[in-house]
């Protein structure tokens, strides 16, 4: 289920609610309303049972219709009706099989590369949700276990890097050190529609946790 929260002041409540309606229509998908093509997604995995369970959880959150997930010897097969977006045949398989390895690093500049031990990882994530800021722009809120949140706050970092699958996807930069209750991952895309989709994808990956093993030899076949 997609959890959505709103942060607004009286001066911007109108624009936030307007943006929220559009964001919800874009970011939430109902399994019964999946209106795209039907496809088979097959990939190899050393832990097919565990990966099948993760793929099913991600697929249900995405909103795939007529979902069938079948683990086999060294592989997982998924058959489903896709949402109906133009890039379904590439975006959905990528989302279902992504490693989703998340980490938070202290840094001195947002241009730095991740260095040292992470302050928190995907194993420390307890909840995530889609949220809109006061300007109506979407982001992914990430809640950490108390001991991991303490590590983050004790680091007294004015800059942090949020890394997903080896890429810095978002940053924290402030003249004050981080003292919040949740991390905020803000997409930087050209349109609000793209930002909504990115924030939703991050929510799906982080909320269900990292893949239990590597997925390989991905094959996608459209079905009649």
C-alpha atoms as a PDB file:
ATOM      1  CA  UNK A   1       0.000   0.000   0.000  1.00  0.00           C
ATOM      2  CA  UNK A   2       1.208   3.484  -0.823  1.00  0.00           C
ATOM      3  CA  UNK A   3       1.221   5.766   2.194  1.00  0.00           C
ATOM      4  CA  UNK A   4       0.997   9.470   1.350  1.00  0.00           C
ATOM      5  CA  UNK A   5       1.528  12.432   3.668  1.00  0.00           C
ATOM      6  CA  UNK A   6       1.189  16.158   3.118  1.00  0.00           C
ATOM      7  CA  UNK A   7       3.166  19.047   4.608  1.00  0.00           C
ATOM      8  CA  UNK A   8       1.690  22.478   3.982  1.00  0.00           C
ATOM      9  CA  UNK A   9       1.129  25.957   5.372  1.00  0.00           C
ATOM     10  CA  UNK A  10      -2.106  27.960   4.944  1.00  0.00           C
ATOM     11  CA  UNK A  11      -0.439  30.090   2.271  1.00  0.00           C
ATOM     12  CA  UNK A  12       0.253  27.172  -0.025  1.00  0.00           C
ATOM     13  CA  UNK A  13      -2.494  24.716   0.880  1.00  0.00           C
ATOM     14  CA  UNK A  14      -4.303  25.299  -2.413  1.00  0.00           C
ATOM     15  CA  UNK A  15      -1.370  24.509  -4.649  1.00  0.00           C
ATOM     16  CA  UNK A  16      -0.323  21.569  -2.500  1.00  0.00           C
ATOM     17  CA  UNK A  17      -3.757  19.980  -2.651  1.00  0.00           C
ATOM     18  CA  UNK A  18      -3.901  20.515  -6.406  1.00  0.00           C
ATOM     19  CA  UNK A  19      -0.487  18.907  -6.810  1.00  0.00           C
ATOM     20  CA  UNK A  20      -1.435  16.162  -4.388  1.00  0.00           C
ATOM     21  CA  UNK A  21      -4.411  15.130  -6.491  1.00  0.00           C
ATOM     22  CA  UNK A  22      -2.238  14.849  -9.567  1.00  0.00           C
ATOM     23  CA  UNK A  23       0.456  13.047  -7.639  1.00  0.00           C
ATOM     24  CA  UNK A  24      -1.944  10.517  -6.240  1.00  0.00           C
ATOM     25  CA  UNK A  25      -3.379   9.757  -9.663  1.00  0.00           C
ATOM     26  CA  UNK A  26       0.120   9.177 -10.979  1.00  0.00           C
ATOM     27  CA  UNK A  27       1.676   7.465  -7.987  1.00  0.00           C
ATOM     28  CA  UNK A  28      -1.017   5.039  -6.887  1.00  0.00           C
ATOM     29  CA  UNK A  29      -1.998   2.109  -9.024  1.00  0.00           C
ATOM     30  CA  UNK A  30      -4.894  -0.238  -8.454  1.00  0.00           C
ATOM     31  CA  UNK A  31      -4.300  -3.903  -9.292  1.00  0.00           C
ATOM     32  CA  UNK A  32      -7.817  -4.177 -10.688  1.00  0.00           C
ATOM     33  CA  UNK A  33      -7.151  -1.264 -13.034  1.00  0.00           C
ATOM     34  CA  UNK A  34      -3.852  -2.382 -14.567  1.00  0.00           C
ATOM     35  CA  UNK A  35      -4.531  -1.651 -18.208  1.00  0.00           C
ATOM     36  CA  UNK A  36      -1.347  -2.474 -20.082  1.00  0.00           C
ATOM     37  CA  UNK A  37      -0.112  -5.482 -21.991  1.00  0.00           C
ATOM     38  CA  UNK A  38       0.351  -8.898 -20.428  1.00  0.00           C
ATOM     39  CA  UNK A  39       3.957 -10.059 -20.189  1.00  0.00           C
ATOM     40  CA  UNK A  40       6.189 -12.789 -18.828  1.00  0.00           C
ATOM     41  CA  UNK A  41       9.269 -11.746 -16.861  1.00  0.00           C
ATOM     42  CA  UNK A  42      11.814 -14.484 -16.244  1.00  0.00           C
ATOM     43  CA  UNK A  43      15.166 -14.231 -14.475  1.00  0.00           C
ATOM     44  CA  UNK A  44      17.749 -16.416 -12.796  1.00  0.00           C
ATOM     45  CA  UNK A  45      18.432 -16.277  -9.057  1.00  0.00           C
ATOM     46  CA  UNK A  46      20.330 -18.417  -6.574  1.00  0.00           C
ATOM     47  CA  UNK A  47      17.511 -17.940  -4.052  1.00  0.00           C
ATOM     48  CA  UNK A  48      14.350 -18.331  -6.164  1.00  0.00           C
ATOM     49  CA  UNK A  49      11.932 -18.814  -3.270  1.00  0.00           C
ATOM     50  CA  UNK A  50      13.062 -15.699  -1.418  1.00  0.00           C
ATOM     51  CA  UNK A  51      13.307 -13.590  -4.582  1.00  0.00           C
ATOM     52  CA  UNK A  52       9.848 -14.733  -5.674  1.00  0.00           C
ATOM     53  CA  UNK A  53       8.404 -13.477  -2.384  1.00  0.00           C
ATOM     54  CA  UNK A  54      10.144 -10.115  -2.795  1.00  0.00           C
ATOM     55  CA  UNK A  55       9.070  -9.805  -6.437  1.00  0.00           C
ATOM     56  CA  UNK A  56       5.469 -10.517  -5.493  1.00  0.00           C
ATOM     57  CA  UNK A  57       5.526  -7.840  -2.790  1.00  0.00           C
ATOM     58  CA  UNK A  58       6.971  -5.270  -5.190  1.00  0.00           C
ATOM     59  CA  UNK A  59       4.553  -6.287  -7.961  1.00  0.00           C
ATOM     60  CA  UNK A  60       1.543  -5.911  -5.679  1.00  0.00           C
ATOM     61  CA  UNK A  61       2.682  -2.435  -4.648  1.00  0.00           C
ATOM     62  CA  UNK A  62       3.226  -1.449  -8.294  1.00  0.00           C
ATOM     63  CA  UNK A  63      -0.289  -2.657  -9.069  1.00  0.00           C
ATOM     64  CA  UNK A  64       0.256  -5.452 -11.595  1.00  0.00           C
ATOM     65  CA  UNK A  65      -2.897  -7.286 -12.623  1.00  0.00           C
ATOM     66  CA  UNK A  66      -3.563 -11.044 -12.867  1.00  0.00           C
ATOM     67  CA  UNK A  67      -0.286 -11.624 -11.051  1.00  0.00           C
ATOM     68  CA  UNK A  68       1.386 -15.045 -11.125  1.00  0.00           C
ATOM     69  CA  UNK A  69       4.797 -15.526  -9.494  1.00  0.00           C
ATOM     70  CA  UNK A  70       6.386 -18.962  -9.855  1.00  0.00           C
ATOM     71  CA  UNK A  71       9.764 -19.908  -8.370  1.00  0.00           C
ATOM     72  CA  UNK A  72      11.581 -22.756 -10.099  1.00  0.00           C
ATOM     73  CA  UNK A  73      15.014 -24.375  -9.978  1.00  0.00           C
ATOM     74  CA  UNK A  74      17.360 -21.393 -10.093  1.00  0.00           C
ATOM     75  CA  UNK A  75      14.825 -19.025 -11.649  1.00  0.00           C
ATOM     76  CA  UNK A  76      11.681 -16.993 -11.079  1.00  0.00           C
ATOM     77  CA  UNK A  77       8.860 -16.497 -13.587  1.00  0.00           C
ATOM     78  CA  UNK A  78       6.367 -13.649 -13.283  1.00  0.00           C
ATOM     79  CA  UNK A  79       3.287 -13.263 -15.474  1.00  0.00           C
ATOM     80  CA  UNK A  80       1.149 -10.171 -15.095  1.00  0.00           C
ATOM     81  CA  UNK A  81      -0.794  -7.377 -16.738  1.00  0.00           C
ATOM     82  CA  UNK A  82       1.406  -4.278 -16.725  1.00  0.00           C
ATOM     83  CA  UNK A  83       0.235  -0.786 -15.690  1.00  0.00           C
ATOM     84  CA  UNK A  84      -0.016   0.608 -19.222  1.00  0.00           C
ATOM     85  CA  UNK A  85       2.863   3.091 -19.338  1.00  0.00           C
ATOM     86  CA  UNK A  86       5.049   3.483 -22.428  1.00  0.00           C
ATOM     87  CA  UNK A  87       8.154   1.931 -20.865  1.00  0.00           C
ATOM     88  CA  UNK A  88       6.431  -0.952 -19.041  1.00  0.00           C
ATOM     89  CA  UNK A  89       8.532  -3.666 -20.684  1.00  0.00           C
ATOM     90  CA  UNK A  90      11.771  -2.136 -19.395  1.00  0.00           C
ATOM     91  CA  UNK A  91      10.792  -0.204 -16.257  1.00  0.00           C
ATOM     92  CA  UNK A  92       8.681  -2.871 -14.534  1.00  0.00           C
ATOM     93  CA  UNK A  93      11.201  -5.748 -14.863  1.00  0.00           C
ATOM     94  CA  UNK A  94      13.962  -3.415 -13.650  1.00  0.00           C
ATOM     95  CA  UNK A  95      11.910  -2.449 -10.600  1.00  0.00           C
ATOM     96  CA  UNK A  96      11.029  -6.060  -9.792  1.00  0.00           C
ATOM     97  CA  UNK A  97      14.632  -7.292  -9.953  1.00  0.00           C
ATOM     98  CA  UNK A  98      16.626  -4.305  -8.646  1.00  0.00           C
ATOM     99  CA  UNK A  99      19.140  -5.074  -5.855  1.00  0.00           C
ATOM    100  CA  UNK A 100      17.804  -2.074  -3.871  1.00  0.00           C
ATOM    101  CA  UNK A 101      20.951  -1.761  -1.752  1.00  0.00           C
ATOM    102  CA  UNK A 102      20.580   1.500   0.170  1.00  0.00           C
ATOM    103  CA  UNK A 103      23.132   3.346   2.288  1.00  0.00           C
ATOM    104  CA  UNK A 104      23.603   6.730   3.946  1.00  0.00           C
ATOM    105  CA  UNK A 105      27.058   8.340   4.098  1.00  0.00           C
ATOM    106  CA  UNK A 106      28.371  11.449   5.825  1.00  0.00           C
ATOM    107  CA  UNK A 107      30.273  13.773   3.484  1.00  0.00           C
ATOM    108  CA  UNK A 108      31.821  17.230   3.279  1.00  0.00           C
ATOM    109  CA  UNK A 109      30.306  18.100  -0.110  1.00  0.00           C
ATOM    110  CA  UNK A 110      27.376  16.849  -2.172  1.00  0.00           C
ATOM    111  CA  UNK A 111      29.900  16.329  -4.977  1.00  0.00           C
ATOM    112  CA  UNK A 112      31.853  13.787  -2.910  1.00  0.00           C
ATOM    113  CA  UNK A 113      31.874  10.073  -3.635  1.00  0.00           C
ATOM    114  CA  UNK A 114      30.700   7.813  -0.796  1.00  0.00           C
ATOM    115  CA  UNK A 115      33.583   7.081   1.576  1.00  0.00           C
ATOM    116  CA  UNK A 116      34.015   5.030   4.731  1.00  0.00           C
ATOM    117  CA  UNK A 117      31.368   3.071   6.586  1.00  0.00           C
ATOM    118  CA  UNK A 118      27.714   3.957   6.007  1.00  0.00           C
ATOM    119  CA  UNK A 119      25.737   5.565   8.804  1.00  0.00           C
ATOM    120  CA  UNK A 120      22.717   3.453   7.878  1.00  0.00           C
ATOM    121  CA  UNK A 121      21.741   0.821   5.313  1.00  0.00           C
ATOM    122  CA  UNK A 122      18.604  -0.678   3.857  1.00  0.00           C
ATOM    123  CA  UNK A 123      18.517  -3.175   6.721  1.00  0.00           C
ATOM    124  CA  UNK A 124      17.899  -0.226   9.058  1.00  0.00           C
ATOM    125  CA  UNK A 125      14.812   1.006   7.183  1.00  0.00           C
ATOM    126  CA  UNK A 126      11.565   0.392   9.065  1.00  0.00           C
ATOM    127  CA  UNK A 127       9.111   2.298   6.864  1.00  0.00           C
ATOM    128  CA  UNK A 128       8.914   4.551   3.824  1.00  0.00           C
ATOM    129  CA  UNK A 129       6.186   6.666   2.320  1.00  0.00           C
ATOM    130  CA  UNK A 130       5.479   9.085  -0.489  1.00  0.00           C
ATOM    131  CA  UNK A 131       5.220  12.699   0.674  1.00  0.00           C
ATOM    132  CA  UNK A 132       4.722  16.195  -0.745  1.00  0.00           C
ATOM    133  CA  UNK A 133       6.643  19.221   0.503  1.00  0.00           C
ATOM    134  CA  UNK A 134       5.195  22.722   0.943  1.00  0.00           C
ATOM    135  CA  UNK A 135       5.715  23.505  -2.736  1.00  0.00           C
ATOM    136  CA  UNK A 136       3.874  20.399  -3.889  1.00  0.00           C
ATOM    137  CA  UNK A 137       7.014  18.556  -4.957  1.00  0.00           C
ATOM    138  CA  UNK A 138       7.184  14.864  -4.079  1.00  0.00           C
ATOM    139  CA  UNK A 139       9.822  13.043  -2.090  1.00  0.00           C
ATOM    140  CA  UNK A 140      10.320   9.725  -0.336  1.00  0.00           C
ATOM    141  CA  UNK A 141      10.356   9.793   3.459  1.00  0.00           C
ATOM    142  CA  UNK A 142      12.484   7.084   5.086  1.00  0.00           C
ATOM    143  CA  UNK A 143      12.142   5.992   8.700  1.00  0.00           C
ATOM    144  CA  UNK A 144      15.080   4.243  10.382  1.00  0.00           C
ATOM    145  CA  UNK A 145      15.463   1.981  13.379  1.00  0.00           C
ATOM    146  CA  UNK A 146      16.252   4.029  16.516  1.00  0.00           C
ATOM    147  CA  UNK A 147      19.879   2.887  16.749  1.00  0.00           C
ATOM    148  CA  UNK A 148      20.492   3.767  13.091  1.00  0.00           C
ATOM    149  CA  UNK A 149      18.819   7.158  13.449  1.00  0.00           C
ATOM    150  CA  UNK A 150      21.073   7.807  16.454  1.00  0.00           C
ATOM    151  CA  UNK A 151      24.146   7.027  14.343  1.00  0.00           C
ATOM    152  CA  UNK A 152      22.956   9.505  11.733  1.00  0.00           C
ATOM    153  CA  UNK A 153      22.285  12.290  14.230  1.00  0.00           C
ATOM    154  CA  UNK A 154      25.456  11.594  16.246  1.00  0.00           C
ATOM    155  CA  UNK A 155      27.523  12.015  13.069  1.00  0.00           C
ATOM    156  CA  UNK A 156      26.717  15.755  13.185  1.00  0.00           C
ATOM    157  CA  UNK A 157      26.889  15.828   9.401  1.00  0.00           C
ATOM    158  CA  UNK A 158      25.912  18.929   7.461  1.00  0.00           C
ATOM    159  CA  UNK A 159      26.083  16.898   4.261  1.00  0.00           C
ATOM    160  CA  UNK A 160      24.872  13.347   3.652  1.00  0.00           C
ATOM    161  CA  UNK A 161      24.742  11.208   0.535  1.00  0.00           C
ATOM    162  CA  UNK A 162      21.849   8.822  -0.066  1.00  0.00           C
ATOM    163  CA  UNK A 163      23.068   5.940  -2.226  1.00  0.00           C
ATOM    164  CA  UNK A 164      20.952   3.315  -3.982  1.00  0.00           C
ATOM    165  CA  UNK A 165      22.623   0.501  -5.915  1.00  0.00           C
ATOM    166  CA  UNK A 166      25.905   2.367  -6.097  1.00  0.00           C
ATOM    167  CA  UNK A 167      24.448   5.680  -7.299  1.00  0.00           C
ATOM    168  CA  UNK A 168      23.997   8.867  -5.275  1.00  0.00           C
ATOM    169  CA  UNK A 169      20.270   9.447  -5.766  1.00  0.00           C
ATOM    170  CA  UNK A 170      19.717  12.315  -3.321  1.00  0.00           C
ATOM    171  CA  UNK A 171      21.586  14.398  -0.766  1.00  0.00           C
ATOM    172  CA  UNK A 172      21.152  16.296   2.485  1.00  0.00           C
ATOM    173  CA  UNK A 173      22.895  19.652   2.735  1.00  0.00           C
ATOM    174  CA  UNK A 174      22.323  22.245   5.444  1.00  0.00           C
ATOM    175  CA  UNK A 175      24.162  24.796   7.555  1.00  0.00           C
ATOM    176  CA  UNK A 176      22.805  22.826  10.511  1.00  0.00           C
ATOM    177  CA  UNK A 177      23.529  19.180  11.214  1.00  0.00           C
ATOM    178  CA  UNK A 178      20.773  16.634  10.680  1.00  0.00           C
ATOM    179  CA  UNK A 179      18.404  16.352  13.652  1.00  0.00           C
ATOM    180  CA  UNK A 180      15.266  15.066  11.953  1.00  0.00           C
ATOM    181  CA  UNK A 181      13.137  12.000  12.566  1.00  0.00           C
ATOM    182  CA  UNK A 182      13.109  10.804   8.947  1.00  0.00           C
ATOM    183  CA  UNK A 183      15.347  11.037   5.910  1.00  0.00           C
ATOM    184  CA  UNK A 184      13.975  12.909   2.904  1.00  0.00           C
ATOM    185  CA  UNK A 185      14.927  11.729  -0.580  1.00  0.00           C
ATOM    186  CA  UNK A 186      14.032  14.471  -3.066  1.00  0.00           C
ATOM    187  CA  UNK A 187      14.102  13.578  -6.782  1.00  0.00           C
ATOM    188  CA  UNK A 188      15.544  16.178  -9.124  1.00  0.00           C
ATOM    189  CA  UNK A 189      13.757  15.683 -12.429  1.00  0.00           C
ATOM    190  CA  UNK A 190      12.532  17.975 -15.204  1.00  0.00           C
ATOM    191  CA  UNK A 191       8.827  17.571 -14.454  1.00  0.00           C
ATOM    192  CA  UNK A 192       6.710  16.935 -11.373  1.00  0.00           C
ATOM    193  CA  UNK A 193       5.307  13.860 -13.106  1.00  0.00           C
ATOM    194  CA  UNK A 194       8.811  12.384 -13.374  1.00  0.00           C
ATOM    195  CA  UNK A 195       9.547  13.299  -9.762  1.00  0.00           C
ATOM    196  CA  UNK A 196       6.358  11.573  -8.603  1.00  0.00           C
ATOM    197  CA  UNK A 197       7.304   8.414 -10.432  1.00  0.00           C
ATOM    198  CA  UNK A 198      10.873   8.472  -9.100  1.00  0.00           C
ATOM    199  CA  UNK A 199       9.755   9.016  -5.510  1.00  0.00           C
ATOM    200  CA  UNK A 200       7.216   6.212  -5.866  1.00  0.00           C
ATOM    201  CA  UNK A 201       9.840   3.818  -7.229  1.00  0.00           C
ATOM    202  CA  UNK A 202      12.177   4.634  -4.329  1.00  0.00           C
ATOM    203  CA  UNK A 203       9.332   3.979  -1.911  1.00  0.00           C
ATOM    204  CA  UNK A 204       8.677   0.576  -3.476  1.00  0.00           C
ATOM    205  CA  UNK A 205      12.334  -0.485  -3.413  1.00  0.00           C
ATOM    206  CA  UNK A 206      13.192   0.769   0.063  1.00  0.00           C
ATOM    207  CA  UNK A 207       9.959  -0.306   1.714  1.00  0.00           C
ATOM    208  CA  UNK A 208      10.364  -3.941   0.653  1.00  0.00           C
ATOM    209  CA  UNK A 209      14.093  -4.064   1.334  1.00  0.00           C
ATOM    210  CA  UNK A 210      17.111  -5.275  -0.622  1.00  0.00           C
ATOM    211  CA  UNK A 211      17.096  -8.327  -2.863  1.00  0.00           C
ATOM    212  CA  UNK A 212      18.142 -11.544  -1.071  1.00  0.00           C
ATOM    213  CA  UNK A 213      20.478 -12.487  -3.938  1.00  0.00           C
ATOM    214  CA  UNK A 214      21.417 -11.318  -7.422  1.00  0.00           C
ATOM    215  CA  UNK A 215      19.025 -11.511 -10.365  1.00  0.00           C
ATOM    216  CA  UNK A 216      20.546 -12.212 -13.786  1.00  0.00           C
ATOM    217  CA  UNK A 217      19.700 -13.273 -17.346  1.00  0.00           C
ATOM    218  CA  UNK A 218      16.510 -11.212 -17.381  1.00  0.00           C
ATOM    219  CA  UNK A 219      14.163 -12.064 -20.263  1.00  0.00           C
ATOM    220  CA  UNK A 220      10.901 -10.199 -20.925  1.00  0.00           C
ATOM    221  CA  UNK A 221       8.327 -11.680 -23.315  1.00  0.00           C
ATOM    222  CA  UNK A 222       5.041  -9.983 -24.307  1.00  0.00           C
ATOM    223  CA  UNK A 223       2.100 -12.380 -24.024  1.00  0.00           C
ATOM    224  CA  UNK A 224      -1.109 -12.442 -26.068  1.00  0.00           C
END
